[in-house]
Each structure stands twice: as structure tokens, then as C-alpha cells.
Amino acid sequence: MNKTRIVSIAFFALTAAVSFSSCRNKQSPGWEYAPNMYEPMSFRADQPNPNFANGSTAQTPPPNTDPIGFVKYEYANTKEGYEAAGAELVNPLPLNSENLISGKKYYTVYCGPCHGDAGDGKGHLVQIEKYSGVPSYYGDAASSRGGMMKDLSAGKIYHTIMYGLNNMGSHASQLTPDERWKVVMYVQQLQKTQ
């Protein structure tokens, strides 16, 4: 027999065997390679779970627990909460060049577009007339909640970053508590500039 003919017959026999074996059970997904890479081994949150008495995978957290990384902020988003934060909150971070450099970086990204790099209230968005009435941190600019912007305490600045005020939205989701305090530290340096 010819070698080419033997190879051809063997190839045909192998192809036929694979074809017939693949048609056997239409419900079977066939042979899976590493199924645990794409089929989760754990329960999904919306699946029933026999491990719990109520049969639900998603459980209510125990009372008085906080998510990992969550920091409680006890002051309400009211005028009274603003005043209380101004009187009671103190920046826990040390005043040093490292914190000021970080504060400047966060200020430039999140605050500078409106308040300006110098804190003069003439940021890019004000210059293109997207927003108006953005206060300066120094000089005779008055706060909309009373008092001068240059006299705002650390707690009042932090409270404003946390909740926002007037056209300014909250930055609580963009900045961690430490980052907020660094921004406060930098803003207080801008308050002293003039």
C-alpha cells in the first residue's frame, strides 16, 4: 500500500470518528478546558443560596457595621452642620511640604478649573463663561454662608468639599478624607496669599 493512501485513510477515519462523537448528545457542552476560569465557583448575589436560612445570597450587613475604607462624617448637610464642622473640625494632618504638594495637586485637578490656580476665582471654566460668581479665597470675597472667604476655618472648607455648595457639587466621591484634608491645607495657604 502507498504511504499517502494510508495517511489519507487514517485522516478520514479520525475525522469521521470526531464528527460522529460530536453529534451524540446535543445537550452536552463537550469537553471544557479549565471551566473554573469562566464559570464562577461562588454564588452570585442574585442566586438562591441554601447556606442561609432565608435562602438569599445577598445578606443585610449586621447593625453598626461600616464598609471597608468608610469614614463616618457626623455633620449634616445643613447650615447648622456647616457651622458645627467649622467650630469642631481640625485638620488631623501635619502641615508639611509633602502634604502641601499633594494638596496642590488635588486642588489643581478638582478645584482649579473653577477657583483658579491662585484661588482667585478665575479658573478656566469661569474664563470661558461656563460658571460665574466663583469666590476668591482671599481679599474681600464674601462666603454665601456668611463671613469672608479668607477667614473660613478648616472645618468649613472640608464640609464644603464634602457636600458642595451652590454651583459646586460634592467632591466626596472623588477625594478620600486624607486627600480632602490636603486640599483644605492648600486652600488655607491660598487664603494667606494676599
N, C-alpha and C. Protein backbone atom coordinates (compact mmCIF):
# COMPACT_ATOMS: atom_id res chain seq x y z
N MET A 1 0.82 -1.19 0.00
CA MET A 1 0.00 0.00 0.00
C MET A 1 0.87 1.24 0.00
N ASN A 2 0.33 2.26 -0.56
CA ASN A 2 1.00 3.54 -0.70
C ASN A 2 0.91 4.31 0.64
N LYS A 3 2.02 4.98 1.04
CA LYS A 3 2.03 5.72 2.30
C LYS A 3 1.01 6.86 2.29
N THR A 4 0.84 7.50 1.18
CA THR A 4 -0.12 8.60 1.08
C THR A 4 -1.53 8.08 1.28
N ARG A 5 -1.79 6.91 0.72
CA ARG A 5 -3.12 6.34 0.87
C ARG A 5 -3.39 5.95 2.32
N ILE A 6 -2.42 5.42 3.03
CA ILE A 6 -2.57 5.04 4.44
C ILE A 6 -2.85 6.29 5.29
N VAL A 7 -2.10 7.35 5.05
CA VAL A 7 -2.30 8.60 5.80
C VAL A 7 -3.68 9.16 5.49
N SER A 8 -4.11 9.11 4.23
CA SER A 8 -5.44 9.63 3.86
C SER A 8 -6.55 8.84 4.54
N ILE A 9 -6.44 7.50 4.56
CA ILE A 9 -7.45 6.67 5.20
C ILE A 9 -7.48 6.94 6.71
N ALA A 10 -6.31 7.08 7.34
CA ALA A 10 -6.24 7.36 8.78
C ALA A 10 -6.87 8.73 9.09
N PHE A 11 -6.58 9.72 8.26
CA PHE A 11 -7.15 11.06 8.47
C PHE A 11 -8.68 11.03 8.31
N PHE A 12 -9.17 10.31 7.29
CA PHE A 12 -10.61 10.19 7.07
C PHE A 12 -11.27 9.48 8.24
N ALA A 13 -10.66 8.42 8.73
CA ALA A 13 -11.22 7.66 9.86
C ALA A 13 -11.28 8.54 11.12
N LEU A 14 -10.22 9.30 11.37
CA LEU A 14 -10.19 10.19 12.54
C LEU A 14 -11.25 11.28 12.42
N THR A 15 -11.40 11.87 11.25
CA THR A 15 -12.40 12.91 11.02
C THR A 15 -13.81 12.35 11.21
N ALA A 16 -14.05 11.17 10.71
CA ALA A 16 -15.36 10.55 10.85
C ALA A 16 -15.66 10.25 12.32
N ALA A 17 -14.66 9.76 13.06
CA ALA A 17 -14.85 9.45 14.48
C ALA A 17 -15.17 10.71 15.28
N VAL A 18 -14.46 11.78 15.01
CA VAL A 18 -14.71 13.04 15.72
C VAL A 18 -16.09 13.58 15.36
N SER A 19 -16.46 13.53 14.10
CA SER A 19 -17.77 14.04 13.66
C SER A 19 -18.90 13.26 14.30
N PHE A 20 -18.82 11.92 14.28
CA PHE A 20 -19.90 11.12 14.85
C PHE A 20 -19.99 11.27 16.37
N SER A 21 -18.84 11.40 17.04
CA SER A 21 -18.88 11.52 18.50
C SER A 21 -19.39 12.89 18.93
N SER A 22 -19.24 13.90 18.10
CA SER A 22 -19.72 15.23 18.47
C SER A 22 -21.23 15.36 18.28
N CYS A 23 -21.84 14.48 17.52
CA CYS A 23 -23.28 14.54 17.27
C CYS A 23 -24.08 13.72 18.27
N ARG A 24 -23.43 13.08 19.20
CA ARG A 24 -24.10 12.16 20.09
C ARG A 24 -25.10 12.83 21.02
N ASN A 25 -24.68 13.81 21.83
CA ASN A 25 -25.56 14.42 22.83
C ASN A 25 -25.59 15.93 22.58
N LYS A 26 -26.72 16.42 22.14
CA LYS A 26 -26.84 17.84 21.80
C LYS A 26 -26.83 18.73 23.05
N GLN A 27 -27.18 18.18 24.24
CA GLN A 27 -27.24 18.97 25.47
C GLN A 27 -25.86 19.13 26.13
N SER A 28 -24.94 18.30 25.76
CA SER A 28 -23.61 18.35 26.38
C SER A 28 -22.77 19.46 25.76
N PRO A 29 -22.10 20.26 26.57
CA PRO A 29 -21.23 21.30 26.02
C PRO A 29 -19.93 20.74 25.46
N GLY A 30 -19.74 19.44 25.63
CA GLY A 30 -18.49 18.85 25.15
C GLY A 30 -17.42 18.96 26.22
N TRP A 31 -16.22 18.74 25.79
CA TRP A 31 -15.10 18.77 26.71
C TRP A 31 -14.71 20.22 26.95
N GLU A 32 -14.64 20.62 28.22
CA GLU A 32 -14.31 22.00 28.57
C GLU A 32 -12.90 22.04 29.15
N TYR A 33 -12.14 22.99 28.68
CA TYR A 33 -10.80 23.19 29.20
C TYR A 33 -10.84 24.30 30.25
N ALA A 34 -10.47 24.00 31.47
CA ALA A 34 -10.42 24.95 32.59
C ALA A 34 -11.74 25.69 32.76
N PRO A 35 -12.85 24.99 33.03
CA PRO A 35 -14.14 25.67 33.15
C PRO A 35 -14.21 26.62 34.33
N ASN A 36 -13.37 26.41 35.36
CA ASN A 36 -13.43 27.30 36.52
C ASN A 36 -12.91 28.71 36.20
N MET A 37 -12.37 28.92 35.03
CA MET A 37 -11.91 30.25 34.66
C MET A 37 -13.06 31.13 34.17
N TYR A 38 -14.14 30.53 33.70
CA TYR A 38 -15.25 31.35 33.20
C TYR A 38 -16.59 31.01 33.84
N GLU A 39 -16.64 29.98 34.63
CA GLU A 39 -17.85 29.67 35.39
C GLU A 39 -17.54 29.92 36.86
N PRO A 40 -18.22 30.88 37.49
CA PRO A 40 -17.88 31.21 38.88
C PRO A 40 -18.17 30.05 39.82
N MET A 41 -17.27 29.85 40.77
CA MET A 41 -17.46 28.80 41.75
C MET A 41 -18.32 29.30 42.90
N SER A 42 -18.34 30.61 43.11
CA SER A 42 -19.12 31.17 44.21
C SER A 42 -20.53 31.51 43.74
N PHE A 43 -21.39 31.79 44.69
CA PHE A 43 -22.75 32.18 44.37
C PHE A 43 -22.77 33.64 43.94
N ARG A 44 -23.59 33.96 42.94
CA ARG A 44 -23.80 35.35 42.57
C ARG A 44 -24.79 35.96 43.54
N ALA A 45 -24.78 37.28 43.67
CA ALA A 45 -25.63 37.95 44.66
C ALA A 45 -27.11 37.71 44.43
N ASP A 46 -27.52 37.48 43.18
CA ASP A 46 -28.94 37.30 42.90
C ASP A 46 -29.37 35.83 42.88
N GLN A 47 -28.46 34.91 43.16
CA GLN A 47 -28.80 33.49 43.16
C GLN A 47 -29.35 33.04 44.51
N PRO A 48 -30.23 32.04 44.50
CA PRO A 48 -30.63 31.44 45.78
C PRO A 48 -29.44 30.71 46.39
N ASN A 49 -29.39 30.72 47.71
CA ASN A 49 -28.26 30.12 48.40
C ASN A 49 -28.78 29.26 49.56
N PRO A 50 -28.57 27.96 49.50
CA PRO A 50 -29.08 27.09 50.56
C PRO A 50 -28.30 27.21 51.87
N ASN A 51 -27.21 27.96 51.89
CA ASN A 51 -26.39 28.09 53.08
C ASN A 51 -26.97 29.05 54.12
N PHE A 52 -27.94 29.86 53.72
CA PHE A 52 -28.54 30.82 54.64
C PHE A 52 -30.00 30.46 54.90
N ALA A 53 -30.49 30.82 56.07
CA ALA A 53 -31.85 30.47 56.47
C ALA A 53 -32.89 31.09 55.55
N ASN A 54 -32.65 32.31 55.07
CA ASN A 54 -33.63 32.96 54.19
C ASN A 54 -33.44 32.59 52.72
N GLY A 55 -32.41 31.80 52.40
CA GLY A 55 -32.19 31.32 51.05
C GLY A 55 -31.62 32.34 50.09
N SER A 56 -31.24 33.48 50.58
CA SER A 56 -30.72 34.55 49.72
C SER A 56 -29.21 34.66 49.87
N THR A 57 -28.52 34.89 48.76
CA THR A 57 -27.07 35.07 48.82
C THR A 57 -26.72 36.44 49.38
N ALA A 58 -27.37 37.49 48.90
CA ALA A 58 -27.10 38.85 49.37
C ALA A 58 -27.75 39.03 50.74
N GLN A 59 -26.94 39.20 51.75
CA GLN A 59 -27.42 39.33 53.12
C GLN A 59 -27.29 40.78 53.58
N THR A 60 -28.18 41.18 54.46
CA THR A 60 -28.10 42.51 55.06
C THR A 60 -26.94 42.52 56.05
N PRO A 61 -26.08 43.56 55.99
CA PRO A 61 -24.97 43.59 56.94
C PRO A 61 -25.46 43.69 58.39
N PRO A 62 -24.68 43.21 59.32
CA PRO A 62 -25.08 43.34 60.73
C PRO A 62 -25.20 44.81 61.12
N PRO A 63 -26.00 45.12 62.14
CA PRO A 63 -26.13 46.51 62.55
C PRO A 63 -24.80 47.09 63.05
N ASN A 64 -24.64 48.39 62.89
CA ASN A 64 -23.47 49.14 63.36
C ASN A 64 -22.17 48.70 62.70
N THR A 65 -22.25 48.25 61.44
CA THR A 65 -21.03 47.92 60.69
C THR A 65 -20.85 48.93 59.57
N ASP A 66 -19.62 49.14 59.18
CA ASP A 66 -19.30 50.07 58.11
C ASP A 66 -18.51 49.35 57.02
N PRO A 67 -18.68 49.77 55.78
CA PRO A 67 -17.88 49.17 54.71
C PRO A 67 -16.39 49.45 54.92
N ILE A 68 -15.56 48.62 54.35
CA ILE A 68 -14.11 48.79 54.46
C ILE A 68 -13.74 50.12 53.82
N GLY A 69 -12.94 50.90 54.51
CA GLY A 69 -12.49 52.19 53.99
C GLY A 69 -13.47 53.33 54.22
N PHE A 70 -14.62 53.05 54.80
CA PHE A 70 -15.63 54.08 55.03
C PHE A 70 -15.26 54.88 56.27
N VAL A 71 -15.32 56.19 56.15
CA VAL A 71 -15.06 57.07 57.28
C VAL A 71 -16.33 57.86 57.56
N LYS A 72 -16.83 57.76 58.79
CA LYS A 72 -18.07 58.47 59.13
C LYS A 72 -17.82 59.97 59.17
N TYR A 73 -18.81 60.68 58.68
CA TYR A 73 -18.80 62.14 58.76
C TYR A 73 -20.09 62.53 59.46
N GLU A 74 -19.97 63.01 60.67
CA GLU A 74 -21.11 63.19 61.56
C GLU A 74 -21.89 64.49 61.34
N TYR A 75 -21.44 65.34 60.44
CA TYR A 75 -22.06 66.65 60.29
C TYR A 75 -23.05 66.64 59.13
N ALA A 76 -24.25 67.13 59.39
CA ALA A 76 -25.31 67.12 58.38
C ALA A 76 -25.05 68.19 57.32
N ASN A 77 -25.69 68.02 56.19
CA ASN A 77 -25.58 68.99 55.10
C ASN A 77 -26.60 70.11 55.32
N THR A 78 -26.41 70.84 56.39
CA THR A 78 -27.28 71.97 56.75
C THR A 78 -26.40 73.13 57.18
N LYS A 79 -27.01 74.28 57.36
CA LYS A 79 -26.28 75.45 57.86
C LYS A 79 -25.72 75.17 59.25
N GLU A 80 -26.51 74.46 60.07
CA GLU A 80 -26.05 74.12 61.42
C GLU A 80 -24.87 73.14 61.36
N GLY A 81 -24.95 72.15 60.47
CA GLY A 81 -23.85 71.20 60.30
C GLY A 81 -22.60 71.89 59.81
N TYR A 82 -22.76 72.86 58.92
CA TYR A 82 -21.64 73.64 58.40
C TYR A 82 -20.97 74.42 59.53
N GLU A 83 -21.78 75.09 60.36
CA GLU A 83 -21.23 75.87 61.47
C GLU A 83 -20.56 74.95 62.51
N ALA A 84 -21.19 73.81 62.79
CA ALA A 84 -20.61 72.87 63.76
C ALA A 84 -19.28 72.32 63.23
N ALA A 85 -19.23 71.98 61.97
CA ALA A 85 -17.97 71.49 61.38
C ALA A 85 -16.90 72.57 61.46
N GLY A 86 -17.30 73.82 61.19
CA GLY A 86 -16.34 74.92 61.26
C GLY A 86 -15.78 75.12 62.64
N ALA A 87 -16.60 74.89 63.66
CA ALA A 87 -16.15 75.10 65.03
C ALA A 87 -15.39 73.91 65.60
N GLU A 88 -15.72 72.69 65.15
CA GLU A 88 -15.19 71.49 65.80
C GLU A 88 -14.11 70.76 65.02
N LEU A 89 -14.16 70.80 63.71
CA LEU A 89 -13.21 70.01 62.92
C LEU A 89 -11.85 70.70 62.84
N VAL A 90 -10.81 69.90 63.00
CA VAL A 90 -9.44 70.38 62.90
C VAL A 90 -8.71 69.43 61.96
N ASN A 91 -7.86 69.98 61.13
CA ASN A 91 -7.11 69.15 60.18
C ASN A 91 -6.18 68.21 60.94
N PRO A 92 -6.35 66.88 60.77
CA PRO A 92 -5.52 65.93 61.51
C PRO A 92 -4.13 65.73 60.89
N LEU A 93 -3.91 66.23 59.70
CA LEU A 93 -2.64 66.02 59.02
C LEU A 93 -1.64 67.10 59.41
N PRO A 94 -0.36 66.75 59.50
CA PRO A 94 0.64 67.76 59.84
C PRO A 94 0.87 68.71 58.66
N LEU A 95 1.11 69.97 58.99
CA LEU A 95 1.40 70.97 57.96
C LEU A 95 2.85 70.82 57.55
N ASN A 96 3.08 70.16 56.41
CA ASN A 96 4.44 70.00 55.90
C ASN A 96 4.42 70.12 54.38
N SER A 97 5.59 70.20 53.80
CA SER A 97 5.68 70.43 52.34
C SER A 97 5.11 69.26 51.55
N GLU A 98 5.25 68.05 52.05
CA GLU A 98 4.73 66.88 51.33
C GLU A 98 3.21 66.95 51.21
N ASN A 99 2.53 67.27 52.31
CA ASN A 99 1.07 67.39 52.28
C ASN A 99 0.63 68.58 51.44
N LEU A 100 1.37 69.67 51.48
CA LEU A 100 1.01 70.84 50.67
C LEU A 100 1.17 70.55 49.18
N ILE A 101 2.20 69.81 48.82
CA ILE A 101 2.41 69.46 47.40
C ILE A 101 1.27 68.55 46.92
N SER A 102 0.90 67.57 47.75
CA SER A 102 -0.23 66.70 47.39
C SER A 102 -1.52 67.51 47.31
N GLY A 103 -1.73 68.41 48.29
CA GLY A 103 -2.91 69.26 48.29
C GLY A 103 -3.00 70.12 47.05
N LYS A 104 -1.86 70.65 46.63
CA LYS A 104 -1.83 71.48 45.41
C LYS A 104 -2.21 70.65 44.19
N LYS A 105 -1.71 69.42 44.14
CA LYS A 105 -2.02 68.54 43.01
C LYS A 105 -3.53 68.27 42.94
N TYR A 106 -4.14 67.91 44.07
CA TYR A 106 -5.59 67.65 44.08
C TYR A 106 -6.38 68.92 43.82
N TYR A 107 -5.93 70.03 44.38
CA TYR A 107 -6.60 71.31 44.16
C TYR A 107 -6.59 71.66 42.66
N THR A 108 -5.44 71.50 42.02
CA THR A 108 -5.31 71.82 40.60
C THR A 108 -6.27 71.00 39.76
N VAL A 109 -6.44 69.73 40.09
CA VAL A 109 -7.30 68.85 39.32
C VAL A 109 -8.78 69.12 39.59
N TYR A 110 -9.16 69.21 40.86
CA TYR A 110 -10.57 69.26 41.22
C TYR A 110 -11.12 70.67 41.46
N CYS A 111 -10.29 71.57 41.94
CA CYS A 111 -10.78 72.91 42.31
C CYS A 111 -10.34 73.99 41.34
N GLY A 112 -9.14 73.84 40.78
CA GLY A 112 -8.57 74.86 39.91
C GLY A 112 -9.40 75.24 38.70
N PRO A 113 -10.12 74.30 38.06
CA PRO A 113 -10.90 74.71 36.89
C PRO A 113 -11.91 75.81 37.18
N CYS A 114 -12.41 75.90 38.39
CA CYS A 114 -13.35 76.98 38.74
C CYS A 114 -12.68 78.06 39.58
N HIS A 115 -11.98 77.65 40.65
CA HIS A 115 -11.41 78.61 41.59
C HIS A 115 -10.10 79.21 41.11
N GLY A 116 -9.49 78.66 40.07
CA GLY A 116 -8.23 79.17 39.55
C GLY A 116 -7.05 78.63 40.31
N ASP A 117 -5.90 78.57 39.65
CA ASP A 117 -4.70 78.04 40.29
C ASP A 117 -4.25 78.90 41.47
N ALA A 118 -4.54 80.18 41.43
CA ALA A 118 -4.14 81.08 42.52
C ALA A 118 -5.25 81.25 43.55
N GLY A 119 -6.39 80.61 43.35
CA GLY A 119 -7.50 80.75 44.28
C GLY A 119 -8.24 82.06 44.12
N ASP A 120 -8.11 82.68 42.97
CA ASP A 120 -8.70 84.00 42.74
C ASP A 120 -10.11 83.94 42.15
N GLY A 121 -10.66 82.73 41.95
CA GLY A 121 -12.00 82.59 41.40
C GLY A 121 -12.05 82.80 39.90
N LYS A 122 -10.91 82.74 39.23
CA LYS A 122 -10.86 82.96 37.78
C LYS A 122 -10.24 81.76 37.08
N GLY A 123 -10.82 80.62 37.32
CA GLY A 123 -10.34 79.40 36.68
C GLY A 123 -10.78 79.33 35.23
N HIS A 124 -10.38 78.28 34.57
CA HIS A 124 -10.66 78.09 33.14
C HIS A 124 -12.16 78.13 32.84
N LEU A 125 -12.95 77.45 33.65
CA LEU A 125 -14.39 77.40 33.40
C LEU A 125 -15.06 78.75 33.61
N VAL A 126 -14.49 79.57 34.46
CA VAL A 126 -15.02 80.93 34.65
C VAL A 126 -14.63 81.79 33.45
N GLN A 127 -13.42 81.61 32.96
CA GLN A 127 -12.94 82.42 31.82
C GLN A 127 -13.70 82.13 30.54
N ILE A 128 -14.16 80.90 30.36
CA ILE A 128 -14.94 80.61 29.15
C ILE A 128 -16.43 80.83 29.39
N GLU A 129 -16.75 81.45 30.54
CA GLU A 129 -18.10 81.85 30.90
C GLU A 129 -19.05 80.67 31.08
N LYS A 130 -18.53 79.55 31.52
CA LYS A 130 -19.38 78.41 31.86
C LYS A 130 -20.03 78.64 33.22
N TYR A 131 -19.25 79.18 34.17
CA TYR A 131 -19.75 79.49 35.51
C TYR A 131 -19.39 80.92 35.84
N SER A 132 -20.17 81.50 36.73
CA SER A 132 -19.85 82.84 37.22
C SER A 132 -20.09 82.88 38.72
N GLY A 133 -19.53 83.86 39.36
CA GLY A 133 -19.72 84.02 40.80
C GLY A 133 -18.89 83.09 41.65
N VAL A 134 -17.80 82.55 41.10
CA VAL A 134 -16.93 81.68 41.89
C VAL A 134 -16.09 82.57 42.80
N PRO A 135 -16.13 82.33 44.13
CA PRO A 135 -15.43 83.24 45.04
C PRO A 135 -13.92 83.04 45.05
N SER A 136 -13.25 84.11 45.40
CA SER A 136 -11.81 84.10 45.62
C SER A 136 -11.56 83.71 47.07
N TYR A 137 -10.43 83.06 47.34
CA TYR A 137 -10.12 82.65 48.70
C TYR A 137 -9.48 83.75 49.52
N TYR A 138 -9.16 84.87 48.89
CA TYR A 138 -8.52 85.96 49.62
C TYR A 138 -9.16 87.28 49.21
N GLY A 139 -8.76 88.34 49.85
CA GLY A 139 -9.33 89.65 49.53
C GLY A 139 -10.66 89.84 50.24
N ASP A 140 -11.55 90.59 49.62
CA ASP A 140 -12.82 90.94 50.23
C ASP A 140 -13.97 90.06 49.76
N ALA A 141 -13.68 88.86 49.25
CA ALA A 141 -14.75 87.97 48.79
C ALA A 141 -15.53 87.42 49.98
N ALA A 142 -16.84 87.49 49.87
CA ALA A 142 -17.70 87.02 50.96
C ALA A 142 -18.21 85.62 50.64
N SER A 143 -18.34 84.81 51.69
CA SER A 143 -18.91 83.48 51.55
C SER A 143 -20.42 83.60 51.47
N SER A 144 -21.06 82.72 50.72
CA SER A 144 -22.52 82.75 50.61
C SER A 144 -23.19 82.33 51.92
N ARG A 145 -22.44 81.75 52.84
CA ARG A 145 -22.99 81.36 54.14
C ARG A 145 -22.59 82.35 55.23
N GLY A 146 -22.02 83.46 54.83
CA GLY A 146 -21.64 84.49 55.79
C GLY A 146 -20.17 84.47 56.10
N GLY A 147 -19.60 85.63 56.33
CA GLY A 147 -18.18 85.75 56.63
C GLY A 147 -17.36 85.90 55.37
N MET A 148 -16.08 86.12 55.56
CA MET A 148 -15.16 86.32 54.45
C MET A 148 -14.53 84.98 54.06
N MET A 149 -14.30 84.80 52.78
CA MET A 149 -13.68 83.56 52.30
C MET A 149 -12.29 83.37 52.90
N LYS A 150 -11.56 84.47 53.10
CA LYS A 150 -10.21 84.34 53.65
C LYS A 150 -10.21 83.91 55.11
N ASP A 151 -11.37 84.00 55.78
CA ASP A 151 -11.47 83.63 57.19
C ASP A 151 -12.10 82.26 57.42
N LEU A 152 -12.42 81.52 56.35
CA LEU A 152 -13.04 80.20 56.52
C LEU A 152 -12.11 79.26 57.28
N SER A 153 -12.68 78.55 58.24
CA SER A 153 -11.89 77.59 59.01
C SER A 153 -11.71 76.30 58.21
N ALA A 154 -10.80 75.46 58.68
CA ALA A 154 -10.54 74.18 58.01
C ALA A 154 -11.80 73.33 57.96
N GLY A 155 -12.58 73.33 59.04
CA GLY A 155 -13.80 72.52 59.09
C GLY A 155 -14.84 72.98 58.08
N LYS A 156 -14.97 74.29 57.88
CA LYS A 156 -15.93 74.80 56.91
C LYS A 156 -15.51 74.46 55.48
N ILE A 157 -14.22 74.54 55.21
CA ILE A 157 -13.73 74.19 53.87
C ILE A 157 -13.95 72.69 53.62
N TYR A 158 -13.63 71.86 54.62
CA TYR A 158 -13.82 70.42 54.49
C TYR A 158 -15.29 70.09 54.27
N HIS A 159 -16.17 70.72 55.03
CA HIS A 159 -17.60 70.50 54.90
C HIS A 159 -18.07 70.86 53.49
N THR A 160 -17.56 71.94 52.93
CA THR A 160 -17.94 72.36 51.59
C THR A 160 -17.44 71.37 50.54
N ILE A 161 -16.23 70.85 50.73
CA ILE A 161 -15.72 69.83 49.80
C ILE A 161 -16.57 68.57 49.91
N MET A 162 -16.96 68.24 51.12
CA MET A 162 -17.74 67.03 51.37
C MET A 162 -19.12 67.08 50.72
N TYR A 163 -19.83 68.18 50.88
CA TYR A 163 -21.21 68.28 50.41
C TYR A 163 -21.40 69.18 49.20
N GLY A 164 -20.48 70.08 48.95
CA GLY A 164 -20.68 71.06 47.89
C GLY A 164 -21.48 72.24 48.41
N LEU A 165 -21.56 73.29 47.61
CA LEU A 165 -22.30 74.48 48.00
C LEU A 165 -22.62 75.27 46.74
N ASN A 166 -23.86 75.71 46.62
CA ASN A 166 -24.33 76.47 45.46
C ASN A 166 -24.05 75.67 44.18
N ASN A 167 -23.30 76.24 43.23
CA ASN A 167 -23.00 75.54 41.97
C ASN A 167 -21.94 74.44 42.13
N MET A 168 -21.21 74.48 43.22
CA MET A 168 -20.15 73.49 43.44
C MET A 168 -20.77 72.19 43.95
N GLY A 169 -20.51 71.12 43.25
CA GLY A 169 -21.01 69.82 43.68
C GLY A 169 -20.10 69.19 44.73
N SER A 170 -20.55 68.11 45.31
CA SER A 170 -19.77 67.37 46.29
C SER A 170 -18.57 66.72 45.61
N HIS A 171 -17.45 66.71 46.31
CA HIS A 171 -16.26 66.02 45.82
C HIS A 171 -15.92 64.84 46.72
N ALA A 172 -16.91 64.39 47.51
CA ALA A 172 -16.67 63.28 48.43
C ALA A 172 -16.35 61.99 47.69
N SER A 173 -16.90 61.79 46.51
CA SER A 173 -16.64 60.55 45.78
C SER A 173 -15.31 60.61 45.02
N GLN A 174 -14.78 61.80 44.79
CA GLN A 174 -13.52 61.92 44.06
C GLN A 174 -12.30 61.95 44.98
N LEU A 175 -12.48 62.45 46.19
CA LEU A 175 -11.35 62.62 47.10
C LEU A 175 -11.58 61.83 48.39
N THR A 176 -10.55 61.12 48.81
CA THR A 176 -10.62 60.41 50.09
C THR A 176 -10.55 61.45 51.21
N PRO A 177 -10.87 61.06 52.44
CA PRO A 177 -10.78 62.03 53.54
C PRO A 177 -9.39 62.66 53.68
N ASP A 178 -8.34 61.87 53.55
CA ASP A 178 -6.99 62.45 53.64
C ASP A 178 -6.72 63.43 52.50
N GLU A 179 -7.17 63.08 51.31
CA GLU A 179 -6.98 63.99 50.17
C GLU A 179 -7.76 65.29 50.38
N ARG A 180 -8.94 65.19 50.95
CA ARG A 180 -9.73 66.41 51.25
C ARG A 180 -8.99 67.30 52.22
N TRP A 181 -8.41 66.69 53.26
CA TRP A 181 -7.67 67.48 54.24
C TRP A 181 -6.44 68.12 53.62
N LYS A 182 -5.81 67.46 52.68
CA LYS A 182 -4.67 68.06 51.99
C LYS A 182 -5.11 69.25 51.14
N VAL A 183 -6.26 69.13 50.50
CA VAL A 183 -6.80 70.26 49.73
C VAL A 183 -7.12 71.42 50.68
N VAL A 184 -7.71 71.11 51.83
CA VAL A 184 -8.01 72.15 52.82
C VAL A 184 -6.73 72.87 53.22
N MET A 185 -5.68 72.10 53.46
CA MET A 185 -4.40 72.68 53.86
C MET A 185 -3.88 73.63 52.79
N TYR A 186 -4.00 73.21 51.53
CA TYR A 186 -3.53 74.06 50.43
C TYR A 186 -4.40 75.30 50.28
N VAL A 187 -5.72 75.15 50.42
CA VAL A 187 -6.62 76.31 50.32
C VAL A 187 -6.29 77.31 51.43
N GLN A 188 -5.97 76.84 52.63
CA GLN A 188 -5.62 77.76 53.71
C GLN A 188 -4.32 78.50 53.41
N GLN A 189 -3.44 77.88 52.65
CA GLN A 189 -2.24 78.62 52.21
C GLN A 189 -2.61 79.69 51.20
N LEU A 190 -3.58 79.38 50.32
CA LEU A 190 -4.03 80.38 49.36
C LEU A 190 -4.75 81.54 50.04
N GLN A 191 -5.44 81.26 51.15
CA GLN A 191 -6.12 82.31 51.88
C GLN A 191 -5.14 83.35 52.41
N LYS A 192 -3.92 82.94 52.67
CA LYS A 192 -2.92 83.83 53.25
C LYS A 192 -2.15 84.63 52.20
N THR A 193 -2.36 84.35 50.91
CA THR A 193 -1.52 84.95 49.88
C THR A 193 -1.66 86.46 49.77
N GLN A 194 -2.85 87.01 50.00
CA GLN A 194 -2.99 88.46 49.86
C GLN A 194 -3.85 89.02 50.94
